[in-house]
Amino acid sequence: MLIARPPSFRKLLSRLTHKASDLEICVADKPADEETLPTLAEAIVGSDKSAIASVLGPPRGAVASGDSVQRTQTFWQASTWYYPVPRNERMAMAIGFEKDQACRVDFFQARAA
């Protein structure tokens, strides 16, 4: 995800660090696989819902107050958003929010049955 959408992540990261010139992303600067997910999480934490949705799109799933979001609600009201991690079909990302700002990012992997 980080490499596929570098302009969006560069903009998101620049707001967090205020040093856009240090955030140039190119193929030569591609992070190692073990650095990709922590870098993604670091870019997300502290961002608001609208910034995250503009980069990643609407979440595939959402939970509000421990329950699945109802049809009358929207994902904007949810306290946790879920996204699949595209490079690994069995991995997903959960973004937890407090007062519409991302406060934590967790990655989890489905186990084979």
C-alpha atoms as a PDB file:
ATOM      1  CA  MET A   1       0.000   0.000   0.000  1.00  0.00           C
ATOM      2  CA  LEU A   2       2.798   2.410   0.870  1.00  0.00           C
ATOM      3  CA  ILE A   3       4.574   1.986  -2.450  1.00  0.00           C
ATOM      4  CA  ALA A   4       1.390   1.831  -4.527  1.00  0.00           C
ATOM      5  CA  ARG A   5       0.183   5.265  -3.401  1.00  0.00           C
ATOM      6  CA  PRO A   6       3.337   7.311  -2.660  1.00  0.00           C
ATOM      7  CA  PRO A   7       1.886  10.799  -3.331  1.00  0.00           C
ATOM      8  CA  SER A   8      -0.951  10.231  -0.876  1.00  0.00           C
ATOM      9  CA  PHE A   9       1.306   8.797   1.814  1.00  0.00           C
ATOM     10  CA  ARG A  10       3.877  11.524   1.249  1.00  0.00           C
ATOM     11  CA  LYS A  11       1.174  14.122   1.900  1.00  0.00           C
ATOM     12  CA  LEU A  12      -0.081  12.247   4.962  1.00  0.00           C
ATOM     13  CA  LEU A  13       3.420  11.823   6.350  1.00  0.00           C
ATOM     14  CA  SER A  14       4.339  15.454   5.681  1.00  0.00           C
ATOM     15  CA  ARG A  15       1.535  16.627   7.928  1.00  0.00           C
ATOM     16  CA  LEU A  16       2.914  14.506  10.734  1.00  0.00           C
ATOM     17  CA  THR A  17       6.551  15.522  10.395  1.00  0.00           C
ATOM     18  CA  HIS A  18       6.324  18.895   8.609  1.00  0.00           C
ATOM     19  CA  LYS A  19       9.377  17.902   6.536  1.00  0.00           C
ATOM     20  CA  ALA A  20       8.011  17.021   3.109  1.00  0.00           C
ATOM     21  CA  SER A  21      11.470  17.182   1.536  1.00  0.00           C
ATOM     22  CA  ASP A  22      12.635  14.266   3.706  1.00  0.00           C
ATOM     23  CA  LEU A  23       9.718  12.097   2.600  1.00  0.00           C
ATOM     24  CA  GLU A  24      10.485  11.523  -1.053  1.00  0.00           C
ATOM     25  CA  ILE A  25       9.472   7.972  -1.856  1.00  0.00           C
ATOM     26  CA  CYS A  26      10.907   6.256  -4.886  1.00  0.00           C
ATOM     27  CA  VAL A  27      11.646   2.694  -5.910  1.00  0.00           C
ATOM     28  CA  ALA A  28      15.238   2.957  -4.656  1.00  0.00           C
ATOM     29  CA  ASP A  29      13.973   4.057  -1.229  1.00  0.00           C
ATOM     30  CA  LYS A  30      11.475   1.227  -0.907  1.00  0.00           C
ATOM     31  CA  PRO A  31      11.505   0.059   2.719  1.00  0.00           C
ATOM     32  CA  ALA A  32      12.456  -3.501   3.551  1.00  0.00           C
ATOM     33  CA  ASP A  33       9.470  -5.807   4.061  1.00  0.00           C
ATOM     34  CA  GLU A  34       9.954  -5.805   7.840  1.00  0.00           C
ATOM     35  CA  GLU A  35       9.842  -1.967   7.833  1.00  0.00           C
ATOM     36  CA  THR A  36       6.777  -1.501   5.623  1.00  0.00           C
ATOM     37  CA  LEU A  37       4.018  -2.208   8.144  1.00  0.00           C
ATOM     38  CA  PRO A  38       5.567  -0.200  11.006  1.00  0.00           C
ATOM     39  CA  THR A  39       6.100   2.708   8.597  1.00  0.00           C
ATOM     40  CA  LEU A  40       2.485   2.510   7.474  1.00  0.00           C
ATOM     41  CA  ALA A  41       1.270   2.407  11.091  1.00  0.00           C
ATOM     42  CA  GLU A  42       3.452   5.382  11.994  1.00  0.00           C
ATOM     43  CA  ALA A  43       1.996   7.387   9.097  1.00  0.00           C
ATOM     44  CA  ILE A  44      -1.561   6.614  10.172  1.00  0.00           C
ATOM     45  CA  VAL A  45      -1.398   7.221  13.945  1.00  0.00           C
ATOM     46  CA  GLY A  46      -2.391  10.806  14.721  1.00  0.00           C
ATOM     47  CA  SER A  47      -4.209  11.297  11.407  1.00  0.00           C
ATOM     48  CA  ASP A  48      -7.898  12.077  11.323  1.00  0.00           C
ATOM     49  CA  LYS A  49     -10.552   9.909   9.706  1.00  0.00           C
ATOM     50  CA  SER A  50     -10.982  12.113   6.653  1.00  0.00           C
ATOM     51  CA  ALA A  51      -7.242  12.022   5.852  1.00  0.00           C
ATOM     52  CA  ILE A  52      -7.152   8.241   6.192  1.00  0.00           C
ATOM     53  CA  ALA A  53     -10.275   7.782   4.075  1.00  0.00           C
ATOM     54  CA  SER A  54      -8.858  10.057   1.380  1.00  0.00           C
ATOM     55  CA  VAL A  55      -5.748   7.859   1.127  1.00  0.00           C
ATOM     56  CA  LEU A  56      -7.114   4.367   1.758  1.00  0.00           C
ATOM     57  CA  GLY A  57     -10.760   4.826   0.775  1.00  0.00           C
ATOM     58  CA  PRO A  58     -13.671   3.740   2.940  1.00  0.00           C
ATOM     59  CA  PRO A  59     -12.908   0.823   5.269  1.00  0.00           C
ATOM     60  CA  ARG A  60     -14.009  -2.683   4.279  1.00  0.00           C
ATOM     61  CA  GLY A  61     -15.389  -3.166   7.777  1.00  0.00           C
ATOM     62  CA  ALA A  62     -16.070  -1.018  10.824  1.00  0.00           C
ATOM     63  CA  VAL A  63     -17.028  -1.486  14.466  1.00  0.00           C
ATOM     64  CA  ALA A  64     -18.673   1.047  16.774  1.00  0.00           C
ATOM     65  CA  SER A  65     -18.646   0.501  20.542  1.00  0.00           C
ATOM     66  CA  GLY A  66     -17.915  -3.204  20.231  1.00  0.00           C
ATOM     67  CA  ASP A  67     -20.744  -3.877  17.756  1.00  0.00           C
ATOM     68  CA  SER A  68     -20.765  -4.024  13.967  1.00  0.00           C
ATOM     69  CA  VAL A  69     -21.857  -0.762  12.413  1.00  0.00           C
ATOM     70  CA  GLN A  70     -25.595  -0.857  11.686  1.00  0.00           C
ATOM     71  CA  ARG A  71     -27.126   0.064   8.344  1.00  0.00           C
ATOM     72  CA  THR A  72     -28.380   3.356   9.756  1.00  0.00           C
ATOM     73  CA  GLN A  73     -24.843   4.295  10.778  1.00  0.00           C
ATOM     74  CA  THR A  74     -21.884   5.074   8.603  1.00  0.00           C
ATOM     75  CA  PHE A  75     -18.265   4.084   9.006  1.00  0.00           C
ATOM     76  CA  TRP A  76     -17.589   7.688  10.086  1.00  0.00           C
ATOM     77  CA  GLN A  77     -19.231   6.865  13.420  1.00  0.00           C
ATOM     78  CA  ALA A  78     -17.160   3.728  14.007  1.00  0.00           C
ATOM     79  CA  SER A  79     -14.352   3.515  16.548  1.00  0.00           C
ATOM     80  CA  THR A  80     -12.395   0.894  14.553  1.00  0.00           C
ATOM     81  CA  TRP A  81     -11.862   0.581  10.817  1.00  0.00           C
ATOM     82  CA  TYR A  82     -10.605  -2.552   9.050  1.00  0.00           C
ATOM     83  CA  TYR A  83      -8.669  -2.779   5.790  1.00  0.00           C
ATOM     84  CA  PRO A  84      -7.190  -5.779   3.968  1.00  0.00           C
ATOM     85  CA  VAL A  85      -3.445  -5.647   3.379  1.00  0.00           C
ATOM     86  CA  PRO A  86      -3.198  -6.197  -0.401  1.00  0.00           C
ATOM     87  CA  ARG A  87       0.186  -7.892  -0.641  1.00  0.00           C
ATOM     88  CA  ASN A  88      -0.868 -10.668   1.711  1.00  0.00           C
ATOM     89  CA  GLU A  89      -4.363 -12.088   1.231  1.00  0.00           C
ATOM     90  CA  ARG A  90      -4.558 -13.302   4.820  1.00  0.00           C
ATOM     91  CA  MET A  91      -3.535 -10.073   6.553  1.00  0.00           C
ATOM     92  CA  ALA A  92      -5.643  -7.125   7.648  1.00  0.00           C
ATOM     93  CA  MET A  93      -5.150  -3.833   9.410  1.00  0.00           C
ATOM     94  CA  ALA A  94      -7.321  -2.415  12.197  1.00  0.00           C
ATOM     95  CA  ILE A  95      -7.221   1.321  12.905  1.00  0.00           C
ATOM     96  CA  GLY A  96      -8.554   2.412  16.288  1.00  0.00           C
ATOM     97  CA  PHE A  97      -9.850   5.947  16.787  1.00  0.00           C
ATOM     98  CA  GLU A  98     -10.373   8.295  19.708  1.00  0.00           C
ATOM     99  CA  LYS A  99     -12.198  11.538  18.943  1.00  0.00           C
ATOM    100  CA  ASP A 100     -11.832  10.908  15.188  1.00  0.00           C
ATOM    101  CA  GLN A 101      -8.026  10.617  15.342  1.00  0.00           C
ATOM    102  CA  ALA A 102      -6.193   7.352  14.788  1.00  0.00           C
ATOM    103  CA  CYS A 103      -4.633   6.283  18.078  1.00  0.00           C
ATOM    104  CA  ARG A 104      -3.478   2.766  17.209  1.00  0.00           C
ATOM    105  CA  VAL A 105      -2.898   0.478  14.249  1.00  0.00           C
ATOM    106  CA  ASP A 106      -2.843  -3.299  14.563  1.00  0.00           C
ATOM    107  CA  PHE A 107      -2.026  -5.869  11.917  1.00  0.00           C
ATOM    108  CA  PHE A 108      -3.369  -9.374  12.158  1.00  0.00           C
ATOM    109  CA  GLN A 109      -3.269 -12.481  10.064  1.00  0.00           C
ATOM    110  CA  ALA A 110      -5.980 -15.096   9.532  1.00  0.00           C
ATOM    111  CA  ARG A 111      -5.016 -18.627  10.355  1.00  0.00           C
ATOM    112  CA  ALA A 112      -5.585 -21.459   7.941  1.00  0.00           C
ATOM    113  CA  ALA A 113      -8.461 -23.702   8.970  1.00  0.00           C
END
